[in-house]
Amino acid sequence: MRQEKAKAIIITTLIFGGLVWWLLGLPGLNSFKSKITKSTSYKTSNKNTNSDSKKVTKGTIIDSYKGVKVYYNGNVSHVNDRNKTKDGYNLGLKYQCVEFAKRFFYERYNHKMPDSYGHAKDFYNTKYKHGSINTERNMYQYKNKGSEKPKVNDLIVIGPTKSNTFGHLVIVTKIYKNEISFIQQNPGPKNPSRGKFRIDYNNGIWSIESNAILGWLRLK
């Protein structure tokens, strides 16, 4: 009889204790979770996986192309002052895609665009014929789905979309048989600084397989 009472007391204690432990929110587990911290990672140009466990902040150098640095901008709408050269040439808003594009051509080729302002979509002007000079940018302009194949260092202009009304700019870094590689700044906090587009050649027409791409600009 005593043994049965003892068992009943033990079982009751275990059930009651477990219930209290549950109602208190699993304190042991929560204590462990509180020690876990989330780190912000970024897809770098050299790897297509989130391998960098260090926190990346706005203005951090995340890539470079031919010695010209690419900076992390976080949210695509973030702006951190205007970047100008010592002689007053406007490079653009830090660290938007336009800023990197103009800075690349300025630092690498000492190229200044006559019109140094405008959104990314404004870099391609439909009033200019295929293969003619875009005088605002002082660069040859080629339309997508035209007779000219993209080349390394071409500036690809992506037109406005529902999710991005300002457009986007990327620079071609390599050309392959059926695709091109590019570098970009400000693609979004979770997107890489490098990417690829498929290209197609058919009946004398070259096209980058993206309906949003207007065309590309090329230095003289």
C-alpha atoms as a PDB file:
ATOM      1  CA  MET A   1       0.000   0.000   0.000  1.00  0.00           C
ATOM      2  CA  ARG A   2       2.783   2.360   0.970  1.00  0.00           C
ATOM      3  CA  GLN A   3       4.596   1.535  -2.266  1.00  0.00           C
ATOM      4  CA  GLU A   4       1.513   2.386  -4.320  1.00  0.00           C
ATOM      5  CA  LYS A   5       1.131   5.746  -2.501  1.00  0.00           C
ATOM      6  CA  ALA A   6       4.817   6.511  -3.096  1.00  0.00           C
ATOM      7  CA  LYS A   7       4.496   5.749  -6.816  1.00  0.00           C
ATOM      8  CA  ALA A   8       1.386   7.920  -7.047  1.00  0.00           C
ATOM      9  CA  ILE A   9       3.221  10.830  -5.357  1.00  0.00           C
ATOM     10  CA  ILE A  10       6.204  10.488  -7.705  1.00  0.00           C
ATOM     11  CA  ILE A  11       4.010  10.357 -10.818  1.00  0.00           C
ATOM     12  CA  THR A  12       1.953  13.342  -9.642  1.00  0.00           C
ATOM     13  CA  THR A  13       5.138  15.338  -8.949  1.00  0.00           C
ATOM     14  CA  LEU A  14       6.594  14.578 -12.365  1.00  0.00           C
ATOM     15  CA  ILE A  15       3.384  15.509 -14.179  1.00  0.00           C
ATOM     16  CA  PHE A  16       2.912  18.717 -12.200  1.00  0.00           C
ATOM     17  CA  GLY A  17       6.566  19.717 -12.552  1.00  0.00           C
ATOM     18  CA  GLY A  18       6.533  19.102 -16.295  1.00  0.00           C
ATOM     19  CA  LEU A  19       3.396  21.171 -16.693  1.00  0.00           C
ATOM     20  CA  VAL A  20       4.914  24.095 -14.789  1.00  0.00           C
ATOM     21  CA  TRP A  21       8.120  23.841 -16.841  1.00  0.00           C
ATOM     22  CA  TRP A  22       6.071  23.987 -20.060  1.00  0.00           C
ATOM     23  CA  LEU A  23       3.928  26.927 -18.925  1.00  0.00           C
ATOM     24  CA  LEU A  24       7.042  28.891 -18.010  1.00  0.00           C
ATOM     25  CA  GLY A  25       8.115  28.684 -21.653  1.00  0.00           C
ATOM     26  CA  LEU A  26      10.791  25.969 -21.646  1.00  0.00           C
ATOM     27  CA  PRO A  27      13.316  28.170 -19.798  1.00  0.00           C
ATOM     28  CA  GLY A  28      16.231  25.899 -20.514  1.00  0.00           C
ATOM     29  CA  LEU A  29      15.644  26.014 -24.296  1.00  0.00           C
ATOM     30  CA  ASN A  30      14.989  29.751 -24.349  1.00  0.00           C
ATOM     31  CA  SER A  31      18.179  30.329 -22.430  1.00  0.00           C
ATOM     32  CA  PHE A  32      20.066  28.440 -25.140  1.00  0.00           C
ATOM     33  CA  LYS A  33      18.337  30.322 -27.971  1.00  0.00           C
ATOM     34  CA  SER A  34      19.227  33.663 -26.422  1.00  0.00           C
ATOM     35  CA  LYS A  35      22.890  32.883 -27.054  1.00  0.00           C
ATOM     36  CA  ILE A  36      22.358  32.415 -30.797  1.00  0.00           C
ATOM     37  CA  THR A  37      22.947  35.575 -32.871  1.00  0.00           C
ATOM     38  CA  LYS A  38      22.115  36.064 -36.525  1.00  0.00           C
ATOM     39  CA  SER A  39      24.851  37.351 -38.823  1.00  0.00           C
ATOM     40  CA  THR A  40      24.347  39.221 -42.066  1.00  0.00           C
ATOM     41  CA  SER A  41      26.120  37.638 -45.023  1.00  0.00           C
ATOM     42  CA  TYR A  42      26.524  38.746 -48.620  1.00  0.00           C
ATOM     43  CA  LYS A  43      27.093  36.874 -51.836  1.00  0.00           C
ATOM     44  CA  THR A  44      30.533  37.986 -52.954  1.00  0.00           C
ATOM     45  CA  SER A  45      31.851  38.033 -56.489  1.00  0.00           C
ATOM     46  CA  ASN A  46      34.218  35.122 -55.982  1.00  0.00           C
ATOM     47  CA  LYS A  47      31.668  32.692 -54.581  1.00  0.00           C
ATOM     48  CA  ASN A  48      27.992  32.163 -55.325  1.00  0.00           C
ATOM     49  CA  THR A  49      27.174  31.152 -51.784  1.00  0.00           C
ATOM     50  CA  ASN A  50      26.757  33.103 -48.559  1.00  0.00           C
ATOM     51  CA  SER A  51      30.208  32.250 -47.272  1.00  0.00           C
ATOM     52  CA  ASP A  52      30.985  35.515 -45.497  1.00  0.00           C
ATOM     53  CA  SER A  53      29.804  35.320 -41.888  1.00  0.00           C
ATOM     54  CA  LYS A  54      30.913  38.851 -41.023  1.00  0.00           C
ATOM     55  CA  LYS A  55      28.320  41.598 -40.938  1.00  0.00           C
ATOM     56  CA  VAL A  56      28.415  43.762 -44.041  1.00  0.00           C
ATOM     57  CA  THR A  57      27.518  47.415 -43.557  1.00  0.00           C
ATOM     58  CA  LYS A  58      26.719  50.210 -46.002  1.00  0.00           C
ATOM     59  CA  GLY A  59      29.863  51.510 -47.675  1.00  0.00           C
ATOM     60  CA  THR A  60      31.767  48.228 -47.246  1.00  0.00           C
ATOM     61  CA  ILE A  61      33.886  47.209 -50.241  1.00  0.00           C
ATOM     62  CA  ILE A  62      32.469  43.893 -51.512  1.00  0.00           C
ATOM     63  CA  ASP A  63      34.042  43.580 -54.960  1.00  0.00           C
ATOM     64  CA  SER A  64      36.126  45.337 -57.598  1.00  0.00           C
ATOM     65  CA  TYR A  65      36.608  45.258 -61.344  1.00  0.00           C
ATOM     66  CA  LYS A  66      39.833  46.413 -62.971  1.00  0.00           C
ATOM     67  CA  GLY A  67      40.748  48.226 -59.785  1.00  0.00           C
ATOM     68  CA  VAL A  68      37.412  50.035 -59.402  1.00  0.00           C
ATOM     69  CA  LYS A  69      35.637  49.207 -56.148  1.00  0.00           C
ATOM     70  CA  VAL A  70      32.057  48.064 -55.658  1.00  0.00           C
ATOM     71  CA  TYR A  71      30.391  49.152 -52.411  1.00  0.00           C
ATOM     72  CA  TYR A  72      27.589  47.522 -50.461  1.00  0.00           C
ATOM     73  CA  ASN A  73      24.485  49.712 -50.315  1.00  0.00           C
ATOM     74  CA  GLY A  74      22.004  47.561 -48.406  1.00  0.00           C
ATOM     75  CA  ASN A  75      18.469  48.547 -49.364  1.00  0.00           C
ATOM     76  CA  VAL A  76      18.295  49.599 -53.028  1.00  0.00           C
ATOM     77  CA  SER A  77      16.673  52.915 -52.125  1.00  0.00           C
ATOM     78  CA  HIS A  78      19.421  53.900 -49.674  1.00  0.00           C
ATOM     79  CA  VAL A  79      21.374  57.051 -50.531  1.00  0.00           C
ATOM     80  CA  ASN A  80      24.444  58.326 -48.718  1.00  0.00           C
ATOM     81  CA  ASP A  81      25.311  61.750 -50.149  1.00  0.00           C
ATOM     82  CA  ARG A  82      26.537  62.528 -53.663  1.00  0.00           C
ATOM     83  CA  ASN A  83      29.948  61.431 -54.861  1.00  0.00           C
ATOM     84  CA  LYS A  84      31.961  63.968 -56.867  1.00  0.00           C
ATOM     85  CA  THR A  85      35.535  63.978 -58.121  1.00  0.00           C
ATOM     86  CA  LYS A  86      38.057  66.588 -57.014  1.00  0.00           C
ATOM     87  CA  ASP A  87      37.425  68.558 -60.203  1.00  0.00           C
ATOM     88  CA  GLY A  88      33.678  68.590 -59.554  1.00  0.00           C
ATOM     89  CA  TYR A  89      32.492  65.845 -61.919  1.00  0.00           C
ATOM     90  CA  ASN A  90      29.331  64.214 -60.633  1.00  0.00           C
ATOM     91  CA  LEU A  91      29.669  60.454 -60.171  1.00  0.00           C
ATOM     92  CA  GLY A  92      26.255  59.944 -58.624  1.00  0.00           C
ATOM     93  CA  LEU A  93      24.550  59.068 -55.377  1.00  0.00           C
ATOM     94  CA  LYS A  94      26.348  56.708 -53.016  1.00  0.00           C
ATOM     95  CA  TYR A  95      26.097  53.813 -53.593  1.00  0.00           C
ATOM     96  CA  GLN A  96      23.640  53.415 -56.415  1.00  0.00           C
ATOM     97  CA  CYS A  97      24.310  51.456 -59.617  1.00  0.00           C
ATOM     98  CA  VAL A  98      24.785  54.676 -61.600  1.00  0.00           C
ATOM     99  CA  GLU A  99      27.539  55.833 -59.235  1.00  0.00           C
ATOM    100  CA  PHE A 100      29.611  52.709 -59.879  1.00  0.00           C
ATOM    101  CA  ALA A 101      29.093  52.843 -63.642  1.00  0.00           C
ATOM    102  CA  LYS A 102      30.247  56.437 -63.998  1.00  0.00           C
ATOM    103  CA  ARG A 103      33.045  55.960 -61.480  1.00  0.00           C
ATOM    104  CA  PHE A 104      34.304  52.931 -63.430  1.00  0.00           C
ATOM    105  CA  PHE A 105      34.598  54.815 -66.719  1.00  0.00           C
ATOM    106  CA  TYR A 106      36.069  57.871 -64.993  1.00  0.00           C
ATOM    107  CA  GLU A 107      38.698  56.061 -62.905  1.00  0.00           C
ATOM    108  CA  ARG A 108      39.640  53.524 -65.528  1.00  0.00           C
ATOM    109  CA  TYR A 109      39.417  55.587 -68.737  1.00  0.00           C
ATOM    110  CA  ASN A 110      39.149  59.184 -67.510  1.00  0.00           C
ATOM    111  CA  HIS A 111      35.791  59.353 -69.261  1.00  0.00           C
ATOM    112  CA  LYS A 112      33.377  62.129 -68.316  1.00  0.00           C
ATOM    113  CA  MET A 113      29.806  62.009 -69.555  1.00  0.00           C
ATOM    114  CA  PRO A 114      28.564  65.392 -70.858  1.00  0.00           C
ATOM    115  CA  ASP A 115      25.341  64.750 -68.945  1.00  0.00           C
ATOM    116  CA  SER A 116      26.395  63.245 -65.632  1.00  0.00           C
ATOM    117  CA  TYR A 117      22.891  63.127 -64.165  1.00  0.00           C
ATOM    118  CA  GLY A 118      19.838  60.925 -64.672  1.00  0.00           C
ATOM    119  CA  HIS A 119      18.476  57.596 -63.522  1.00  0.00           C
ATOM    120  CA  ALA A 120      19.784  54.329 -64.928  1.00  0.00           C
ATOM    121  CA  LYS A 121      16.924  54.081 -67.434  1.00  0.00           C
ATOM    122  CA  ASP A 122      17.896  57.510 -68.839  1.00  0.00           C
ATOM    123  CA  PHE A 123      21.265  56.263 -70.064  1.00  0.00           C
ATOM    124  CA  TYR A 124      19.626  54.651 -73.091  1.00  0.00           C
ATOM    125  CA  ASN A 125      17.986  57.235 -75.326  1.00  0.00           C
ATOM    126  CA  THR A 126      15.673  55.956 -78.057  1.00  0.00           C
ATOM    127  CA  LYS A 127      16.211  59.054 -80.205  1.00  0.00           C
ATOM    128  CA  TYR A 128      19.663  57.739 -81.182  1.00  0.00           C
ATOM    129  CA  LYS A 129      19.984  55.166 -83.925  1.00  0.00           C
ATOM    130  CA  HIS A 130      21.612  51.805 -83.386  1.00  0.00           C
ATOM    131  CA  GLY A 131      25.412  52.246 -83.502  1.00  0.00           C
ATOM    132  CA  SER A 132      25.368  56.039 -83.289  1.00  0.00           C
ATOM    133  CA  ILE A 133      26.827  58.270 -80.586  1.00  0.00           C
ATOM    134  CA  ASN A 134      24.721  58.985 -77.546  1.00  0.00           C
ATOM    135  CA  THR A 135      25.897  62.566 -77.065  1.00  0.00           C
ATOM    136  CA  GLU A 136      24.667  62.845 -73.461  1.00  0.00           C
ATOM    137  CA  ARG A 137      26.980  59.978 -72.467  1.00  0.00           C
ATOM    138  CA  ASN A 138      29.563  60.340 -75.263  1.00  0.00           C
ATOM    139  CA  MET A 139      29.374  56.598 -75.923  1.00  0.00           C
ATOM    140  CA  TYR A 140      28.171  54.474 -78.827  1.00  0.00           C
ATOM    141  CA  GLN A 141      24.677  53.145 -78.253  1.00  0.00           C
ATOM    142  CA  TYR A 142      23.434  49.727 -79.358  1.00  0.00           C
ATOM    143  CA  LYS A 143      19.962  48.333 -78.979  1.00  0.00           C
ATOM    144  CA  ASN A 144      19.192  44.902 -77.629  1.00  0.00           C
ATOM    145  CA  LYS A 145      18.124  42.576 -80.442  1.00  0.00           C
ATOM    146  CA  GLY A 146      20.328  44.333 -82.962  1.00  0.00           C
ATOM    147  CA  SER A 147      23.311  43.563 -85.181  1.00  0.00           C
ATOM    148  CA  GLU A 148      26.012  44.256 -82.540  1.00  0.00           C
ATOM    149  CA  LYS A 149      27.256  41.664 -80.063  1.00  0.00           C
ATOM    150  CA  PRO A 150      27.976  42.910 -76.524  1.00  0.00           C
ATOM    151  CA  LYS A 151      31.648  43.368 -75.630  1.00  0.00           C
ATOM    152  CA  VAL A 152      33.666  43.467 -72.424  1.00  0.00           C
ATOM    153  CA  ASN A 153      33.219  46.809 -70.599  1.00  0.00           C
ATOM    154  CA  ASP A 154      29.928  47.582 -72.331  1.00  0.00           C
ATOM    155  CA  LEU A 155      27.435  49.327 -70.082  1.00  0.00           C
ATOM    156  CA  ILE A 156      24.138  47.448 -70.193  1.00  0.00           C
ATOM    157  CA  VAL A 157      21.029  49.527 -69.532  1.00  0.00           C
ATOM    158  CA  ILE A 158      18.072  47.778 -67.932  1.00  0.00           C
ATOM    159  CA  GLY A 159      14.817  49.637 -68.303  1.00  0.00           C
ATOM    160  CA  PRO A 160      12.156  50.307 -65.662  1.00  0.00           C
ATOM    161  CA  THR A 161      10.039  47.468 -64.302  1.00  0.00           C
ATOM    162  CA  LYS A 162       7.113  47.239 -61.893  1.00  0.00           C
ATOM    163  CA  SER A 163       9.479  46.571 -59.008  1.00  0.00           C
ATOM    164  CA  ASN A 164      12.116  49.104 -60.125  1.00  0.00           C
ATOM    165  CA  THR A 165      10.938  52.257 -61.893  1.00  0.00           C
ATOM    166  CA  PHE A 166      14.462  53.728 -62.124  1.00  0.00           C
ATOM    167  CA  GLY A 167      16.121  50.999 -64.166  1.00  0.00           C
ATOM    168  CA  HIS A 168      19.546  49.467 -63.506  1.00  0.00           C
ATOM    169  CA  LEU A 169      23.104  49.466 -64.929  1.00  0.00           C
ATOM    170  CA  VAL A 170      25.612  46.614 -65.125  1.00  0.00           C
ATOM    171  CA  ILE A 171      29.032  46.343 -66.782  1.00  0.00           C
ATOM    172  CA  VAL A 172      30.049  43.375 -68.931  1.00  0.00           C
ATOM    173  CA  THR A 173      33.141  41.587 -67.584  1.00  0.00           C
ATOM    174  CA  LYS A 174      33.376  38.468 -69.776  1.00  0.00           C
ATOM    175  CA  ILE A 175      31.912  37.153 -73.006  1.00  0.00           C
ATOM    176  CA  TYR A 176      31.191  33.478 -73.614  1.00  0.00           C
ATOM    177  CA  LYS A 177      29.544  31.649 -76.500  1.00  0.00           C
ATOM    178  CA  ASN A 178      26.032  31.713 -75.085  1.00  0.00           C
ATOM    179  CA  GLU A 179      26.258  34.056 -72.111  1.00  0.00           C
ATOM    180  CA  ILE A 180      27.904  37.135 -70.652  1.00  0.00           C
ATOM    181  CA  SER A 181      29.121  37.877 -67.137  1.00  0.00           C
ATOM    182  CA  PHE A 182      28.565  41.247 -65.509  1.00  0.00           C
ATOM    183  CA  ILE A 183      29.321  43.249 -62.385  1.00  0.00           C
ATOM    184  CA  GLN A 184      26.933  45.590 -60.593  1.00  0.00           C
ATOM    185  CA  GLN A 185      26.477  47.810 -57.574  1.00  0.00           C
ATOM    186  CA  ASN A 186      23.306  48.078 -55.490  1.00  0.00           C
ATOM    187  CA  PRO A 187      21.467  44.949 -56.697  1.00  0.00           C
ATOM    188  CA  GLY A 188      19.737  44.586 -53.317  1.00  0.00           C
ATOM    189  CA  PRO A 189      20.906  43.386 -49.888  1.00  0.00           C
ATOM    190  CA  LYS A 190      20.663  39.674 -50.707  1.00  0.00           C
ATOM    191  CA  ASN A 191      21.851  39.658 -54.304  1.00  0.00           C
ATOM    192  CA  PRO A 192      25.445  39.165 -55.528  1.00  0.00           C
ATOM    193  CA  SER A 193      27.638  41.754 -57.205  1.00  0.00           C
ATOM    194  CA  ARG A 194      28.189  39.388 -60.114  1.00  0.00           C
ATOM    195  CA  GLY A 195      25.791  37.665 -62.467  1.00  0.00           C
ATOM    196  CA  LYS A 196      25.210  36.309 -65.967  1.00  0.00           C
ATOM    197  CA  PHE A 197      22.827  36.822 -68.861  1.00  0.00           C
ATOM    198  CA  ARG A 198      22.198  34.385 -71.701  1.00  0.00           C
ATOM    199  CA  ILE A 199      22.819  35.749 -75.196  1.00  0.00           C
ATOM    200  CA  ASP A 200      21.456  34.494 -78.459  1.00  0.00           C
ATOM    201  CA  TYR A 201      22.455  34.974 -82.108  1.00  0.00           C
ATOM    202  CA  ASN A 202      19.864  34.338 -84.791  1.00  0.00           C
ATOM    203  CA  ASN A 203      19.717  35.576 -88.388  1.00  0.00           C
ATOM    204  CA  GLY A 204      22.287  38.302 -87.771  1.00  0.00           C
ATOM    205  CA  ILE A 205      20.599  39.534 -84.594  1.00  0.00           C
ATOM    206  CA  TRP A 206      22.208  39.523 -81.148  1.00  0.00           C
ATOM    207  CA  SER A 207      19.964  39.578 -78.137  1.00  0.00           C
ATOM    208  CA  ILE A 208      20.412  39.391 -74.402  1.00  0.00           C
ATOM    209  CA  GLU A 209      17.590  37.195 -73.168  1.00  0.00           C
ATOM    210  CA  SER A 210      15.847  39.668 -70.923  1.00  0.00           C
ATOM    211  CA  ASN A 211      12.912  41.790 -72.017  1.00  0.00           C
ATOM    212  CA  ALA A 212      13.907  44.537 -69.580  1.00  0.00           C
ATOM    213  CA  ILE A 213      17.255  45.225 -71.281  1.00  0.00           C
ATOM    214  CA  LEU A 214      17.080  48.244 -73.566  1.00  0.00           C
ATOM    215  CA  GLY A 215      20.617  48.067 -74.963  1.00  0.00           C
ATOM    216  CA  TRP A 216      24.218  48.910 -74.120  1.00  0.00           C
ATOM    217  CA  LEU A 217      26.700  51.770 -74.368  1.00  0.00           C
ATOM    218  CA  ARG A 218      30.342  51.534 -75.426  1.00  0.00           C
ATOM    219  CA  LEU A 219      33.296  53.887 -75.273  1.00  0.00           C
ATOM    220  CA  LYS A 220      34.662  55.210 -78.566  1.00  0.00           C
END
